Amino acid sequence: MSGDLLKSYRFREERQGDWQKLDVILTRAENGGVKRLSDEDMLALPRLYRQAVSSLSVARSISLDQNVIAYLESLCTRAYFFVYGARTTIGERMMTFLRRDWPAAVRGAVWPTLLSALFFFGGWGLAFFLCLQDMDWYWTFHGASFLEGRNPDATVEYLRSTIYTDGHGDGQLTAFSSFLFNNNAQIALFAFALGFAFGIPTAWLLVYNGVMIGSMYAVFWDKGLGYEFTGWLMIHGVTEIFAIVLAGAAGFVIGGAVAFPGGQTRLASARAAGQKAATIAMGCVVMLIIAALLEGFGRQLINSDLVRYAIAAGTGLLWMLYFYMPRRERHG
């Protein structure tokens, strides 16, 4: 026993100075960040880390004192996270996501985005033309209790009052807008989350949401209010609908990886596609928040059709430039 203690003592005595230097450097970095370290500290850190790992390996192999092993394990763990861990702050990581990761993920999913738009606007167009041919289709799609008052039986004056803020109809207008936002947010969430089932639920949800909006659009169009309703809807709808389409694209990215895994297993293929899909979906949350702000403020404060169309066109152009404008990748 005394021989083991002596061996452990000598082992620690020969190397403890380097361990303490590493401990001091790590403590300084943990308390004050990388800026607190000198050039000498930065150069010494990798060397001291490798020596500590080597010491830990030797200590385990010759069964030294457990206190020494525990100390070295803690020291090596701290050093590992500093040497190899991320050194960016949350703010820097968010800026990287907005500047590079999110747009790159969207640009890399052009075909899933086009497929998603096809299902959404296909449902929209189908419901719109069916309802214009026969308004009984509206009741088939929505049922008798859907948004009572905004249906084919409503008068032109009443429908007009629901798309302008003139004081007396503002509460109903807010309820309608809240319904649209909550419905679209849920559709976006489920379109992404259910993509693993070969994208089939994603396609169904996109068509469903398109049908709901398209049939409502047909009611206003049939009453001669298509121009006015389009301006009211698109002031926030450009961003909101774009978010739905991108969420559907994220679902199709996962669904495509599951349906066509190539040389991988389906699970491995879905895991590999999941990072891109999740990046797109996280960005959709940002878009829905922006759409809510446009809906909450723009809809309340702006009654001019021309201004509404200008905002809609401006936001659409900004999103297209943000996602698809070629940009130079910065390295290092």
C-alpha atoms as a PDB file:
ATOM      1  CA  MET A   1       0.000   0.000   0.000  1.00  0.00           C
ATOM      2  CA  SER A   2       2.788   2.397   0.901  1.00  0.00           C
ATOM      3  CA  GLY A   3       4.423   1.662  -2.469  1.00  0.00           C
ATOM      4  CA  ASP A   4       1.251   2.631  -4.331  1.00  0.00           C
ATOM      5  CA  LEU A   5       0.960   5.857  -2.338  1.00  0.00           C
ATOM      6  CA  LEU A   6       4.581   6.735  -3.058  1.00  0.00           C
ATOM      7  CA  LYS A   7       4.118   6.038  -6.769  1.00  0.00           C
ATOM      8  CA  SER A   8       1.005   8.226  -6.852  1.00  0.00           C
ATOM      9  CA  TYR A   9       2.800  11.004  -4.971  1.00  0.00           C
ATOM     10  CA  ARG A  10       5.781  11.010  -7.363  1.00  0.00           C
ATOM     11  CA  PHE A  11       3.518  10.886 -10.417  1.00  0.00           C
ATOM     12  CA  ARG A  12       1.583  13.914  -9.190  1.00  0.00           C
ATOM     13  CA  GLU A  13       4.678  15.821  -8.060  1.00  0.00           C
ATOM     14  CA  GLU A  14       6.328  15.527 -11.478  1.00  0.00           C
ATOM     15  CA  ARG A  15       3.278  16.815 -13.377  1.00  0.00           C
ATOM     16  CA  GLN A  16       1.316  18.941 -10.947  1.00  0.00           C
ATOM     17  CA  GLY A  17       2.947  22.171 -12.059  1.00  0.00           C
ATOM     18  CA  ASP A  18       1.571  21.805 -15.588  1.00  0.00           C
ATOM     19  CA  TRP A  19      -1.846  20.846 -14.276  1.00  0.00           C
ATOM     20  CA  GLN A  20      -1.947  23.966 -12.142  1.00  0.00           C
ATOM     21  CA  LYS A  21      -0.922  26.145 -15.088  1.00  0.00           C
ATOM     22  CA  LEU A  22      -3.749  24.656 -17.141  1.00  0.00           C
ATOM     23  CA  ASP A  23      -6.172  25.158 -14.252  1.00  0.00           C
ATOM     24  CA  VAL A  24      -5.194  28.825 -13.927  1.00  0.00           C
ATOM     25  CA  ILE A  25      -5.611  29.466 -17.660  1.00  0.00           C
ATOM     26  CA  LEU A  26      -9.015  27.783 -17.735  1.00  0.00           C
ATOM     27  CA  THR A  27     -10.227  29.662 -14.665  1.00  0.00           C
ATOM     28  CA  ARG A  28      -9.161  32.969 -16.195  1.00  0.00           C
ATOM     29  CA  ALA A  29     -10.903  32.133 -19.470  1.00  0.00           C
ATOM     30  CA  GLU A  30     -14.081  30.947 -17.742  1.00  0.00           C
ATOM     31  CA  ASN A  31     -14.302  34.096 -15.642  1.00  0.00           C
ATOM     32  CA  GLY A  32     -13.319  36.697 -18.207  1.00  0.00           C
ATOM     33  CA  GLY A  33     -13.525  35.087 -21.619  1.00  0.00           C
ATOM     34  CA  VAL A  34     -10.872  34.584 -24.267  1.00  0.00           C
ATOM     35  CA  LYS A  35      -9.874  38.240 -24.170  1.00  0.00           C
ATOM     36  CA  ARG A  36      -8.403  37.708 -20.705  1.00  0.00           C
ATOM     37  CA  LEU A  37      -5.815  35.278 -22.073  1.00  0.00           C
ATOM     38  CA  SER A  38      -2.420  36.411 -23.262  1.00  0.00           C
ATOM     39  CA  ASP A  39      -0.692  35.144 -26.374  1.00  0.00           C
ATOM     40  CA  GLU A  40       1.481  32.916 -24.196  1.00  0.00           C
ATOM     41  CA  ASP A  41      -1.615  31.412 -22.578  1.00  0.00           C
ATOM     42  CA  MET A  42      -3.190  30.682 -25.958  1.00  0.00           C
ATOM     43  CA  LEU A  43      -0.036  28.959 -27.181  1.00  0.00           C
ATOM     44  CA  ALA A  44       0.387  26.964 -23.985  1.00  0.00           C
ATOM     45  CA  LEU A  45      -3.214  25.824 -23.720  1.00  0.00           C
ATOM     46  CA  PRO A  46      -3.179  23.043 -26.392  1.00  0.00           C
ATOM     47  CA  ARG A  47       0.137  21.680 -25.105  1.00  0.00           C
ATOM     48  CA  LEU A  48      -1.037  21.642 -21.492  1.00  0.00           C
ATOM     49  CA  TYR A  49      -4.328  20.037 -22.519  1.00  0.00           C
ATOM     50  CA  ARG A  50      -2.530  17.199 -24.353  1.00  0.00           C
ATOM     51  CA  GLN A  51      -0.245  16.639 -21.361  1.00  0.00           C
ATOM     52  CA  ALA A  52      -3.239  16.471 -19.011  1.00  0.00           C
ATOM     53  CA  VAL A  53      -4.980  13.940 -21.259  1.00  0.00           C
ATOM     54  CA  SER A  54      -1.817  11.860 -21.391  1.00  0.00           C
ATOM     55  CA  SER A  55      -1.503  12.022 -17.602  1.00  0.00           C
ATOM     56  CA  LEU A  56      -5.118  10.910 -17.222  1.00  0.00           C
ATOM     57  CA  SER A  57      -4.515   7.954 -19.530  1.00  0.00           C
ATOM     58  CA  VAL A  58      -1.445   6.866 -17.560  1.00  0.00           C
ATOM     59  CA  ALA A  59      -3.185   7.359 -14.225  1.00  0.00           C
ATOM     60  CA  ARG A  60      -6.052   5.117 -15.299  1.00  0.00           C
ATOM     61  CA  SER A  61      -3.758   2.434 -16.696  1.00  0.00           C
ATOM     62  CA  ILE A  62      -1.684   2.055 -13.518  1.00  0.00           C
ATOM     63  CA  SER A  63      -4.644   2.516 -11.140  1.00  0.00           C
ATOM     64  CA  LEU A  64      -3.370   5.558  -9.290  1.00  0.00           C
ATOM     65  CA  ASP A  65      -5.163   7.352  -6.478  1.00  0.00           C
ATOM     66  CA  GLN A  66      -8.812   7.912  -7.373  1.00  0.00           C
ATOM     67  CA  ASN A  67      -8.582  11.527  -6.207  1.00  0.00           C
ATOM     68  CA  VAL A  68      -5.877  12.174  -8.830  1.00  0.00           C
ATOM     69  CA  ILE A  69      -7.961  10.509 -11.533  1.00  0.00           C
ATOM     70  CA  ALA A  70     -11.082  12.485 -10.576  1.00  0.00           C
ATOM     71  CA  TYR A  71      -9.122  15.746 -10.601  1.00  0.00           C
ATOM     72  CA  LEU A  72      -7.642  15.024 -14.032  1.00  0.00           C
ATOM     73  CA  GLU A  73     -11.017  14.011 -15.466  1.00  0.00           C
ATOM     74  CA  SER A  74     -12.501  17.319 -14.352  1.00  0.00           C
ATOM     75  CA  LEU A  75      -9.534  19.296 -15.642  1.00  0.00           C
ATOM     76  CA  CYS A  76      -9.543  17.559 -19.046  1.00  0.00           C
ATOM     77  CA  THR A  77     -13.289  18.014 -19.427  1.00  0.00           C
ATOM     78  CA  ARG A  78     -13.019  21.761 -18.791  1.00  0.00           C
ATOM     79  CA  ALA A  79     -10.118  22.060 -21.204  1.00  0.00           C
ATOM     80  CA  TYR A  80     -11.885  20.029 -23.895  1.00  0.00           C
ATOM     81  CA  PHE A  81     -14.941  22.294 -23.962  1.00  0.00           C
ATOM     82  CA  PHE A  82     -12.723  25.353 -24.160  1.00  0.00           C
ATOM     83  CA  VAL A  83     -10.409  24.022 -26.863  1.00  0.00           C
ATOM     84  CA  TYR A  84     -13.058  22.380 -29.057  1.00  0.00           C
ATOM     85  CA  GLY A  85     -16.305  23.991 -27.942  1.00  0.00           C
ATOM     86  CA  ALA A  86     -18.148  26.858 -29.622  1.00  0.00           C
ATOM     87  CA  ARG A  87     -16.751  30.275 -28.750  1.00  0.00           C
ATOM     88  CA  THR A  88     -19.578  32.349 -30.183  1.00  0.00           C
ATOM     89  CA  THR A  89     -22.171  34.123 -28.082  1.00  0.00           C
ATOM     90  CA  ILE A  90     -25.904  33.587 -28.491  1.00  0.00           C
ATOM     91  CA  GLY A  91     -26.179  36.876 -30.358  1.00  0.00           C
ATOM     92  CA  GLU A  92     -23.396  35.901 -32.751  1.00  0.00           C
ATOM     93  CA  ARG A  93     -24.998  32.510 -33.334  1.00  0.00           C
ATOM     94  CA  MET A  94     -28.357  34.134 -34.108  1.00  0.00           C
ATOM     95  CA  MET A  95     -26.740  36.534 -36.567  1.00  0.00           C
ATOM     96  CA  THR A  96     -24.993  33.615 -38.280  1.00  0.00           C
ATOM     97  CA  PHE A  97     -28.345  31.835 -38.528  1.00  0.00           C
ATOM     98  CA  LEU A  98     -30.029  34.869 -40.082  1.00  0.00           C
ATOM     99  CA  ARG A  99     -27.160  35.850 -42.375  1.00  0.00           C
ATOM    100  CA  ARG A 100     -26.067  32.446 -43.615  1.00  0.00           C
ATOM    101  CA  ASP A 101     -27.674  29.264 -42.280  1.00  0.00           C
ATOM    102  CA  TRP A 102     -31.350  30.005 -42.890  1.00  0.00           C
ATOM    103  CA  PRO A 103     -31.041  31.518 -46.405  1.00  0.00           C
ATOM    104  CA  ALA A 104     -28.647  28.727 -47.429  1.00  0.00           C
ATOM    105  CA  ALA A 105     -31.104  26.064 -46.243  1.00  0.00           C
ATOM    106  CA  VAL A 106     -33.967  27.694 -48.173  1.00  0.00           C
ATOM    107  CA  ARG A 107     -31.861  28.031 -51.344  1.00  0.00           C
ATOM    108  CA  GLY A 108     -30.960  24.367 -51.048  1.00  0.00           C
ATOM    109  CA  ALA A 109     -34.642  23.350 -51.016  1.00  0.00           C
ATOM    110  CA  VAL A 110     -35.888  25.002 -54.210  1.00  0.00           C
ATOM    111  CA  TRP A 111     -37.703  21.943 -55.566  1.00  0.00           C
ATOM    112  CA  PRO A 112     -39.447  21.085 -52.271  1.00  0.00           C
ATOM    113  CA  THR A 113     -40.478  24.754 -52.056  1.00  0.00           C
ATOM    114  CA  LEU A 114     -41.977  24.672 -55.549  1.00  0.00           C
ATOM    115  CA  LEU A 115     -43.786  21.417 -54.714  1.00  0.00           C
ATOM    116  CA  SER A 116     -45.149  22.947 -51.524  1.00  0.00           C
ATOM    117  CA  ALA A 117     -46.358  26.038 -53.392  1.00  0.00           C
ATOM    118  CA  LEU A 118     -48.021  23.796 -55.992  1.00  0.00           C
ATOM    119  CA  PHE A 119     -50.091  21.989 -53.372  1.00  0.00           C
ATOM    120  CA  PHE A 120     -51.013  25.167 -51.492  1.00  0.00           C
ATOM    121  CA  PHE A 121     -51.982  27.315 -54.464  1.00  0.00           C
ATOM    122  CA  GLY A 122     -53.488  24.309 -56.210  1.00  0.00           C
ATOM    123  CA  GLY A 123     -55.921  23.922 -53.327  1.00  0.00           C
ATOM    124  CA  TRP A 124     -56.521  27.677 -53.341  1.00  0.00           C
ATOM    125  CA  GLY A 125     -57.294  27.743 -57.076  1.00  0.00           C
ATOM    126  CA  LEU A 126     -59.483  24.641 -56.956  1.00  0.00           C
ATOM    127  CA  ALA A 127     -61.688  26.008 -54.161  1.00  0.00           C
ATOM    128  CA  PHE A 128     -61.821  29.465 -55.721  1.00  0.00           C
ATOM    129  CA  PHE A 129     -63.127  28.276 -59.098  1.00  0.00           C
ATOM    130  CA  LEU A 130     -65.486  25.702 -57.614  1.00  0.00           C
ATOM    131  CA  CYS A 131     -67.068  28.340 -55.391  1.00  0.00           C
ATOM    132  CA  LEU A 132     -67.420  30.819 -58.249  1.00  0.00           C
ATOM    133  CA  GLN A 133     -69.273  28.150 -60.206  1.00  0.00           C
ATOM    134  CA  ASP A 134     -71.500  27.176 -57.296  1.00  0.00           C
ATOM    135  CA  MET A 135     -71.377  28.849 -53.878  1.00  0.00           C
ATOM    136  CA  ASP A 136     -72.765  25.713 -52.253  1.00  0.00           C
ATOM    137  CA  TRP A 137     -69.173  24.487 -52.341  1.00  0.00           C
ATOM    138  CA  TYR A 138     -68.386  27.124 -49.729  1.00  0.00           C
ATOM    139  CA  TRP A 139     -70.632  25.391 -47.196  1.00  0.00           C
ATOM    140  CA  THR A 140     -69.094  22.050 -48.112  1.00  0.00           C
ATOM    141  CA  PHE A 141     -65.633  23.352 -47.305  1.00  0.00           C
ATOM    142  CA  HIS A 142     -66.435  25.395 -44.204  1.00  0.00           C
ATOM    143  CA  GLY A 143     -69.683  24.244 -42.695  1.00  0.00           C
ATOM    144  CA  ALA A 144     -72.470  26.461 -41.440  1.00  0.00           C
ATOM    145  CA  SER A 145     -70.615  27.756 -38.363  1.00  0.00           C
ATOM    146  CA  PHE A 146     -67.391  28.948 -39.983  1.00  0.00           C
ATOM    147  CA  LEU A 147     -66.810  32.678 -39.360  1.00  0.00           C
ATOM    148  CA  GLU A 148     -70.505  33.451 -39.143  1.00  0.00           C
ATOM    149  CA  GLY A 149     -71.403  36.441 -41.289  1.00  0.00           C
ATOM    150  CA  ARG A 150     -68.516  36.174 -43.765  1.00  0.00           C
ATOM    151  CA  ASN A 151     -70.230  33.839 -46.169  1.00  0.00           C
ATOM    152  CA  PRO A 152     -72.071  33.971 -49.490  1.00  0.00           C
ATOM    153  CA  ASP A 153     -75.214  35.266 -47.767  1.00  0.00           C
ATOM    154  CA  ALA A 154     -73.495  38.409 -46.447  1.00  0.00           C
ATOM    155  CA  THR A 155     -74.146  41.783 -48.029  1.00  0.00           C
ATOM    156  CA  VAL A 156     -71.495  43.748 -49.873  1.00  0.00           C
ATOM    157  CA  GLU A 157     -71.629  46.478 -47.236  1.00  0.00           C
ATOM    158  CA  TYR A 158     -71.031  44.039 -44.414  1.00  0.00           C
ATOM    159  CA  LEU A 159     -68.138  42.315 -46.153  1.00  0.00           C
ATOM    160  CA  ARG A 160     -66.594  45.678 -46.953  1.00  0.00           C
ATOM    161  CA  SER A 161     -66.787  46.654 -43.289  1.00  0.00           C
ATOM    162  CA  THR A 162     -64.745  43.589 -42.347  1.00  0.00           C
ATOM    163  CA  ILE A 163     -61.715  44.653 -44.380  1.00  0.00           C
ATOM    164  CA  TYR A 164     -61.478  48.280 -43.287  1.00  0.00           C
ATOM    165  CA  THR A 165     -61.012  49.724 -39.823  1.00  0.00           C
ATOM    166  CA  ASP A 166     -63.844  52.187 -39.420  1.00  0.00           C
ATOM    167  CA  GLY A 167     -64.447  51.748 -35.700  1.00  0.00           C
ATOM    168  CA  HIS A 168     -67.625  49.691 -35.419  1.00  0.00           C
ATOM    169  CA  GLY A 169     -66.357  46.488 -37.037  1.00  0.00           C
ATOM    170  CA  ASP A 170     -62.876  46.424 -35.570  1.00  0.00           C
ATOM    171  CA  GLY A 171     -63.591  43.720 -32.992  1.00  0.00           C
ATOM    172  CA  GLN A 172     -64.863  41.312 -35.619  1.00  0.00           C
ATOM    173  CA  LEU A 173     -61.948  42.192 -37.889  1.00  0.00           C
ATOM    174  CA  THR A 174     -59.506  41.385 -35.098  1.00  0.00           C
ATOM    175  CA  ALA A 175     -61.217  38.054 -34.448  1.00  0.00           C
ATOM    176  CA  PHE A 176     -61.036  37.139 -38.135  1.00  0.00           C
ATOM    177  CA  SER A 177     -57.356  38.069 -38.379  1.00  0.00           C
ATOM    178  CA  SER A 178     -56.538  36.170 -35.195  1.00  0.00           C
ATOM    179  CA  PHE A 179     -58.272  33.122 -36.609  1.00  0.00           C
ATOM    180  CA  LEU A 180     -56.243  33.330 -39.821  1.00  0.00           C
ATOM    181  CA  PHE A 181     -52.939  33.735 -37.990  1.00  0.00           C
ATOM    182  CA  ASN A 182     -53.566  30.926 -35.497  1.00  0.00           C
ATOM    183  CA  ASN A 183     -54.800  28.624 -38.237  1.00  0.00           C
ATOM    184  CA  ASN A 184     -51.833  29.335 -40.493  1.00  0.00           C
ATOM    185  CA  ALA A 185     -49.334  28.942 -37.643  1.00  0.00           C
ATOM    186  CA  GLN A 186     -50.773  25.531 -36.786  1.00  0.00           C
ATOM    187  CA  ILE A 187     -50.747  24.483 -40.425  1.00  0.00           C
ATOM    188  CA  ALA A 188     -47.084  25.513 -40.741  1.00  0.00           C
ATOM    189  CA  LEU A 189     -46.121  23.607 -37.607  1.00  0.00           C
ATOM    190  CA  PHE A 190     -47.877  20.399 -38.583  1.00  0.00           C
ATOM    191  CA  ALA A 191     -46.758  20.608 -42.220  1.00  0.00           C
ATOM    192  CA  PHE A 192     -43.169  20.407 -41.002  1.00  0.00           C
ATOM    193  CA  ALA A 193     -43.694  17.978 -38.126  1.00  0.00           C
ATOM    194  CA  LEU A 194     -45.637  15.406 -40.163  1.00  0.00           C
ATOM    195  CA  GLY A 195     -43.242  15.358 -43.080  1.00  0.00           C
ATOM    196  CA  PHE A 196     -41.671  12.102 -41.879  1.00  0.00           C
ATOM    197  CA  ALA A 197     -44.755  10.192 -43.118  1.00  0.00           C
ATOM    198  CA  PHE A 198     -43.432  10.382 -46.708  1.00  0.00           C
ATOM    199  CA  GLY A 199     -44.735  13.979 -46.961  1.00  0.00           C
ATOM    200  CA  ILE A 200     -48.343  12.815 -47.444  1.00  0.00           C
ATOM    201  CA  PRO A 201     -49.832  14.661 -44.404  1.00  0.00           C
ATOM    202  CA  THR A 202     -47.815  17.732 -45.410  1.00  0.00           C
ATOM    203  CA  ALA A 203     -49.371  17.742 -48.883  1.00  0.00           C
ATOM    204  CA  TRP A 204     -52.858  17.263 -47.428  1.00  0.00           C
ATOM    205  CA  LEU A 205     -52.440  20.144 -44.966  1.00  0.00           C
ATOM    206  CA  LEU A 206     -51.183  22.483 -47.672  1.00  0.00           C
ATOM    207  CA  VAL A 207     -54.130  21.669 -49.930  1.00  0.00           C
ATOM    208  CA  TYR A 208     -56.546  22.017 -46.999  1.00  0.00           C
ATOM    209  CA  ASN A 209     -55.269  25.454 -46.031  1.00  0.00           C
ATOM    210  CA  GLY A 210     -55.317  26.575 -49.650  1.00  0.00           C
ATOM    211  CA  VAL A 211     -58.920  25.406 -49.990  1.00  0.00           C
ATOM    212  CA  MET A 212     -59.987  27.306 -46.869  1.00  0.00           C
ATOM    213  CA  ILE A 213     -58.442  30.574 -47.996  1.00  0.00           C
ATOM    214  CA  GLY A 214     -59.409  30.142 -51.653  1.00  0.00           C
ATOM    215  CA  SER A 215     -63.075  29.591 -50.865  1.00  0.00           C
ATOM    216  CA  MET A 216     -63.142  32.631 -48.574  1.00  0.00           C
ATOM    217  CA  TYR A 217     -61.438  34.637 -51.298  1.00  0.00           C
ATOM    218  CA  ALA A 218     -64.151  33.563 -53.739  1.00  0.00           C
ATOM    219  CA  VAL A 219     -66.855  35.052 -51.475  1.00  0.00           C
ATOM    220  CA  PHE A 220     -65.300  38.518 -51.576  1.00  0.00           C
ATOM    221  CA  TRP A 221     -64.495  38.202 -55.275  1.00  0.00           C
ATOM    222  CA  ASP A 222     -68.074  37.265 -56.075  1.00  0.00           C
ATOM    223  CA  LYS A 223     -69.279  40.400 -54.268  1.00  0.00           C
ATOM    224  CA  GLY A 224     -66.947  42.626 -56.270  1.00  0.00           C
ATOM    225  CA  LEU A 225     -64.471  43.072 -53.389  1.00  0.00           C
ATOM    226  CA  GLY A 226     -61.604  40.967 -54.724  1.00  0.00           C
ATOM    227  CA  TYR A 227     -59.267  43.943 -55.109  1.00  0.00           C
ATOM    228  CA  GLU A 228     -59.947  45.255 -51.625  1.00  0.00           C
ATOM    229  CA  PHE A 229     -59.769  41.839 -49.948  1.00  0.00           C
ATOM    230  CA  THR A 230     -56.498  41.015 -51.691  1.00  0.00           C
ATOM    231  CA  GLY A 231     -54.878  44.180 -50.352  1.00  0.00           C
ATOM    232  CA  TRP A 232     -56.122  43.466 -46.836  1.00  0.00           C
ATOM    233  CA  LEU A 233     -54.957  39.852 -46.934  1.00  0.00           C
ATOM    234  CA  MET A 234     -51.587  40.376 -48.614  1.00  0.00           C
ATOM    235  CA  ILE A 235     -50.341  43.119 -46.294  1.00  0.00           C
ATOM    236  CA  HIS A 236     -49.394  40.292 -43.944  1.00  0.00           C
ATOM    237  CA  GLY A 237     -50.269  37.315 -46.133  1.00  0.00           C
ATOM    238  CA  VAL A 238     -47.172  37.543 -48.326  1.00  0.00           C
ATOM    239  CA  THR A 239     -45.002  36.795 -45.316  1.00  0.00           C
ATOM    240  CA  GLU A 240     -47.468  34.413 -43.677  1.00  0.00           C
ATOM    241  CA  ILE A 241     -48.174  32.355 -46.791  1.00  0.00           C
ATOM    242  CA  PHE A 242     -44.474  32.256 -47.668  1.00  0.00           C
ATOM    243  CA  ALA A 243     -43.843  30.843 -44.189  1.00  0.00           C
ATOM    244  CA  ILE A 244     -46.469  28.139 -44.748  1.00  0.00           C
ATOM    245  CA  VAL A 245     -44.939  27.207 -48.100  1.00  0.00           C
ATOM    246  CA  LEU A 246     -41.445  27.006 -46.583  1.00  0.00           C
ATOM    247  CA  ALA A 247     -42.720  24.921 -43.657  1.00  0.00           C
ATOM    248  CA  GLY A 248     -44.274  22.575 -46.191  1.00  0.00           C
ATOM    249  CA  ALA A 249     -40.955  22.482 -48.051  1.00  0.00           C
ATOM    250  CA  ALA A 250     -39.220  21.488 -44.801  1.00  0.00           C
ATOM    251  CA  GLY A 251     -41.730  18.667 -44.418  1.00  0.00           C
ATOM    252  CA  PHE A 252     -41.072  17.511 -47.982  1.00  0.00           C
ATOM    253  CA  VAL A 253     -37.312  17.576 -47.359  1.00  0.00           C
ATOM    254  CA  ILE A 254     -37.778  15.044 -44.559  1.00  0.00           C
ATOM    255  CA  GLY A 255     -40.441  13.102 -46.460  1.00  0.00           C
ATOM    256  CA  GLY A 256     -38.210  12.844 -49.506  1.00  0.00           C
ATOM    257  CA  ALA A 257     -35.317  11.577 -47.394  1.00  0.00           C
ATOM    258  CA  VAL A 258     -37.550   8.899 -45.888  1.00  0.00           C
ATOM    259  CA  ALA A 259     -39.121   7.883 -49.199  1.00  0.00           C
ATOM    260  CA  PHE A 260     -35.839   7.848 -51.147  1.00  0.00           C
ATOM    261  CA  PRO A 261     -33.027   7.075 -48.684  1.00  0.00           C
ATOM    262  CA  GLY A 262     -30.559   6.006 -51.351  1.00  0.00           C
ATOM    263  CA  GLY A 263     -27.773   3.862 -49.900  1.00  0.00           C
ATOM    264  CA  GLN A 264     -28.646   4.800 -46.306  1.00  0.00           C
ATOM    265  CA  THR A 265     -31.267   3.438 -43.979  1.00  0.00           C
ATOM    266  CA  ARG A 266     -34.459   5.471 -43.801  1.00  0.00           C
ATOM    267  CA  LEU A 267     -33.630   6.595 -40.271  1.00  0.00           C
ATOM    268  CA  ALA A 268     -30.126   7.722 -41.216  1.00  0.00           C
ATOM    269  CA  SER A 269     -31.410   9.520 -44.304  1.00  0.00           C
ATOM    270  CA  ALA A 270     -34.095  11.325 -42.299  1.00  0.00           C
ATOM    271  CA  ARG A 271     -31.525  12.296 -39.684  1.00  0.00           C
ATOM    272  CA  ALA A 272     -29.235  13.754 -42.330  1.00  0.00           C
ATOM    273  CA  ALA A 273     -32.075  15.797 -43.886  1.00  0.00           C
ATOM    274  CA  GLY A 274     -33.420  16.838 -40.513  1.00  0.00           C
ATOM    275  CA  GLN A 275     -30.845  19.581 -39.930  1.00  0.00           C
ATOM    276  CA  LYS A 276     -31.727  21.443 -43.131  1.00  0.00           C
ATOM    277  CA  ALA A 277     -35.459  20.961 -42.541  1.00  0.00           C
ATOM    278  CA  ALA A 278     -35.217  22.141 -38.931  1.00  0.00           C
ATOM    279  CA  THR A 279     -33.277  25.233 -40.010  1.00  0.00           C
ATOM    280  CA  ILE A 280     -36.017  26.133 -42.493  1.00  0.00           C
ATOM    281  CA  ALA A 281     -38.732  25.484 -39.903  1.00  0.00           C
ATOM    282  CA  MET A 282     -37.034  27.647 -37.264  1.00  0.00           C
ATOM    283  CA  GLY A 283     -36.872  30.461 -39.775  1.00  0.00           C
ATOM    284  CA  CYS A 284     -40.594  30.075 -40.434  1.00  0.00           C
ATOM    285  CA  VAL A 285     -41.205  31.008 -36.800  1.00  0.00           C
ATOM    286  CA  VAL A 286     -39.401  34.303 -37.446  1.00  0.00           C
ATOM    287  CA  MET A 287     -41.557  34.908 -40.511  1.00  0.00           C
ATOM    288  CA  LEU A 288     -44.772  34.202 -38.614  1.00  0.00           C
ATOM    289  CA  ILE A 289     -43.768  36.685 -35.909  1.00  0.00           C
ATOM    290  CA  ILE A 290     -43.100  39.337 -38.564  1.00  0.00           C
ATOM    291  CA  ALA A 291     -46.443  38.511 -40.211  1.00  0.00           C
ATOM    292  CA  ALA A 292     -48.182  38.942 -36.843  1.00  0.00           C
ATOM    293  CA  LEU A 293     -46.618  42.389 -36.447  1.00  0.00           C
ATOM    294  CA  LEU A 294     -47.674  43.393 -39.954  1.00  0.00           C
ATOM    295  CA  GLU A 295     -51.145  42.058 -39.282  1.00  0.00           C
ATOM    296  CA  GLY A 296     -51.489  43.700 -35.890  1.00  0.00           C
ATOM    297  CA  PHE A 297     -50.213  47.155 -36.827  1.00  0.00           C
ATOM    298  CA  GLY A 298     -50.567  47.475 -40.587  1.00  0.00           C
ATOM    299  CA  ARG A 299     -54.097  46.164 -40.663  1.00  0.00           C
ATOM    300  CA  GLN A 300     -55.185  48.490 -37.864  1.00  0.00           C
ATOM    301  CA  LEU A 301     -53.496  51.645 -39.108  1.00  0.00           C
ATOM    302  CA  ILE A 302     -53.643  51.384 -42.913  1.00  0.00           C
ATOM    303  CA  ASN A 303     -56.883  51.607 -44.865  1.00  0.00           C
ATOM    304  CA  SER A 304     -55.443  52.675 -48.203  1.00  0.00           C
ATOM    305  CA  ASP A 305     -55.532  49.920 -50.809  1.00  0.00           C
ATOM    306  CA  LEU A 306     -52.523  51.340 -52.640  1.00  0.00           C
ATOM    307  CA  VAL A 307     -50.425  51.405 -49.465  1.00  0.00           C
ATOM    308  CA  ARG A 308     -51.471  47.864 -48.639  1.00  0.00           C
ATOM    309  CA  TYR A 309     -50.433  46.647 -52.082  1.00  0.00           C
ATOM    310  CA  ALA A 310     -47.157  48.557 -51.834  1.00  0.00           C
ATOM    311  CA  ILE A 311     -46.342  46.909 -48.499  1.00  0.00           C
ATOM    312  CA  ALA A 312     -47.264  43.499 -49.876  1.00  0.00           C
ATOM    313  CA  ALA A 313     -45.064  43.983 -52.955  1.00  0.00           C
ATOM    314  CA  GLY A 314     -42.226  45.356 -50.828  1.00  0.00           C
ATOM    315  CA  THR A 315     -42.227  42.482 -48.362  1.00  0.00           C
ATOM    316  CA  GLY A 316     -42.412  39.951 -51.190  1.00  0.00           C
ATOM    317  CA  LEU A 317     -39.422  41.534 -52.927  1.00  0.00           C
ATOM    318  CA  LEU A 318     -37.428  41.685 -49.700  1.00  0.00           C
ATOM    319  CA  TRP A 319     -38.033  38.001 -48.942  1.00  0.00           C
ATOM    320  CA  MET A 320     -37.060  36.952 -52.463  1.00  0.00           C
ATOM    321  CA  LEU A 321     -33.852  38.983 -52.319  1.00  0.00           C
ATOM    322  CA  TYR A 322     -33.067  37.723 -48.831  1.00  0.00           C
ATOM    323  CA  PHE A 323     -33.427  34.067 -49.742  1.00  0.00           C
ATOM    324  CA  TYR A 324     -32.386  33.856 -53.368  1.00  0.00           C
ATOM    325  CA  MET A 325     -30.057  36.740 -54.150  1.00  0.00           C
ATOM    326  CA  PRO A 326     -26.568  35.360 -54.871  1.00  0.00           C
ATOM    327  CA  ARG A 327     -24.103  36.245 -52.138  1.00  0.00           C
ATOM    328  CA  ARG A 328     -20.431  35.727 -51.580  1.00  0.00           C
ATOM    329  CA  GLU A 329     -19.601  33.201 -48.895  1.00  0.00           C
ATOM    330  CA  ARG A 330     -17.198  34.449 -46.274  1.00  0.00           C
ATOM    331  CA  HIS A 331     -14.613  32.003 -44.979  1.00  0.00           C
ATOM    332  CA  GLY A 332     -12.556  32.016 -41.825  1.00  0.00           C
END
